[in-house]
């Protein structure tokens, strides 16, 4: 079974699906960070050197294993040649 099939199977469980949906913003942030770095043509090590930090810190950010502050995210984006902004969306609530 490949990863995609495993994910589809797991998401059929309502509890797993609810938790996956709850974590979706964190997954999206991690994917955005990785995409910025890759589009900049940087390795984690190269980005770490630009940010005067260690590769393990970059890895932790990209895995979602940390809770970065706004300034950290701005520095990460700038080092990759991007500018960070925030967009607010209203949640749809169940009635």
Protein backbone atom coordinates (compact mmCIF):
# COMPACT_ATOMS: atom_id res chain seq x y z
CA UNK A 1 0.00 0.00 0.00
CA UNK A 2 1.41 3.39 -0.92
CA UNK A 3 1.24 6.49 1.27
CA UNK A 4 -1.67 8.04 -0.65
CA UNK A 5 -3.80 4.91 -0.29
CA UNK A 6 -2.91 4.63 3.39
CA UNK A 7 -3.91 8.26 3.96
CA UNK A 8 -7.22 7.78 2.14
CA UNK A 9 -7.96 4.69 4.21
CA UNK A 10 -7.07 6.41 7.49
CA UNK A 11 -9.21 9.45 6.68
CA UNK A 12 -12.28 7.23 6.40
CA UNK A 13 -12.18 6.99 10.21
CA UNK A 14 -14.19 10.01 11.50
CA UNK A 15 -11.88 10.53 14.50
CA UNK A 16 -8.77 10.51 12.32
CA UNK A 17 -10.45 12.85 9.81
CA UNK A 18 -11.44 15.31 12.56
CA UNK A 19 -7.88 15.42 13.93
CA UNK A 20 -6.42 15.74 10.42
CA UNK A 21 -8.76 18.66 9.70
CA UNK A 22 -7.84 20.28 13.02
CA UNK A 23 -4.14 20.12 12.12
CA UNK A 24 -4.60 21.28 8.51
CA UNK A 25 -3.32 24.84 9.15
CA UNK A 26 -0.11 23.45 10.66
CA UNK A 27 0.38 21.13 7.68
CA UNK A 28 -0.20 24.08 5.34
CA UNK A 29 2.38 26.23 7.13
CA UNK A 30 4.98 23.45 7.01
CA UNK A 31 4.33 22.91 3.31
CA UNK A 32 4.61 26.65 2.65
CA UNK A 33 7.96 26.85 4.43
CA UNK A 34 9.35 23.90 2.49
CA UNK A 35 8.05 25.29 -0.80
CA UNK A 36 9.65 28.70 -0.16
CA UNK A 37 13.01 27.12 0.62
CA UNK A 38 12.87 24.83 -2.40
CA UNK A 39 11.86 27.66 -4.74
CA UNK A 40 14.81 29.63 -3.41
CA UNK A 41 17.03 26.68 -4.37
CA UNK A 42 18.31 26.30 -0.81
CA UNK A 43 19.05 23.25 1.27
CA UNK A 44 18.16 23.26 4.95
CA UNK A 45 21.85 23.69 5.75
CA UNK A 46 22.23 26.68 3.42
CA UNK A 47 19.14 28.33 4.86
CA UNK A 48 20.36 27.71 8.39
CA UNK A 49 23.63 29.48 7.57
CA UNK A 50 21.70 32.47 6.19
CA UNK A 51 19.68 32.63 9.39
CA UNK A 52 22.69 32.04 11.66
CA UNK A 53 21.11 28.97 13.18
CA UNK A 54 21.46 25.22 12.96
CA UNK A 55 20.01 22.89 10.36
CA UNK A 56 18.11 21.06 13.11
CA UNK A 57 16.13 24.26 13.80
CA UNK A 58 15.13 24.53 10.14
CA UNK A 59 14.14 20.88 10.12
CA UNK A 60 12.02 21.36 13.24
CA UNK A 61 10.25 24.34 11.67
CA UNK A 62 9.51 22.41 8.49
CA UNK A 63 8.21 19.38 10.37
CA UNK A 64 5.91 21.51 12.49
CA UNK A 65 7.71 20.45 15.65
CA UNK A 66 8.00 23.99 16.96
CA UNK A 67 5.85 27.00 17.57
CA UNK A 68 7.68 29.78 15.72
CA UNK A 69 7.01 33.43 16.40
CA UNK A 70 6.03 35.91 13.72
CA UNK A 71 9.57 37.37 13.56
CA UNK A 72 11.05 33.91 13.00
CA UNK A 73 8.64 33.25 10.15
CA UNK A 74 9.40 36.66 8.62
CA UNK A 75 13.17 36.03 8.81
CA UNK A 76 12.70 32.56 7.24
CA UNK A 77 10.64 34.00 4.38
CA UNK A 78 13.05 36.90 3.78
CA UNK A 79 16.04 34.54 3.69
CA UNK A 80 14.22 32.63 0.94
CA UNK A 81 13.40 35.82 -0.99
CA UNK A 82 9.75 35.99 0.04
CA UNK A 83 7.62 38.43 1.99
CA UNK A 84 5.20 37.07 4.53
CA UNK A 85 1.65 38.31 5.02
CA UNK A 86 -1.41 37.22 6.95
CA UNK A 87 -4.82 36.61 5.47
CA UNK A 88 -7.83 36.16 7.71
CA UNK A 89 -10.75 33.96 6.73
CA UNK A 90 -14.00 33.52 8.58
CA UNK A 91 -14.65 29.96 9.70
CA UNK A 92 -17.83 28.32 8.55
CA UNK A 93 -19.65 27.12 11.61
CA UNK A 94 -22.14 24.29 11.79
CA UNK A 95 -25.66 25.26 12.70
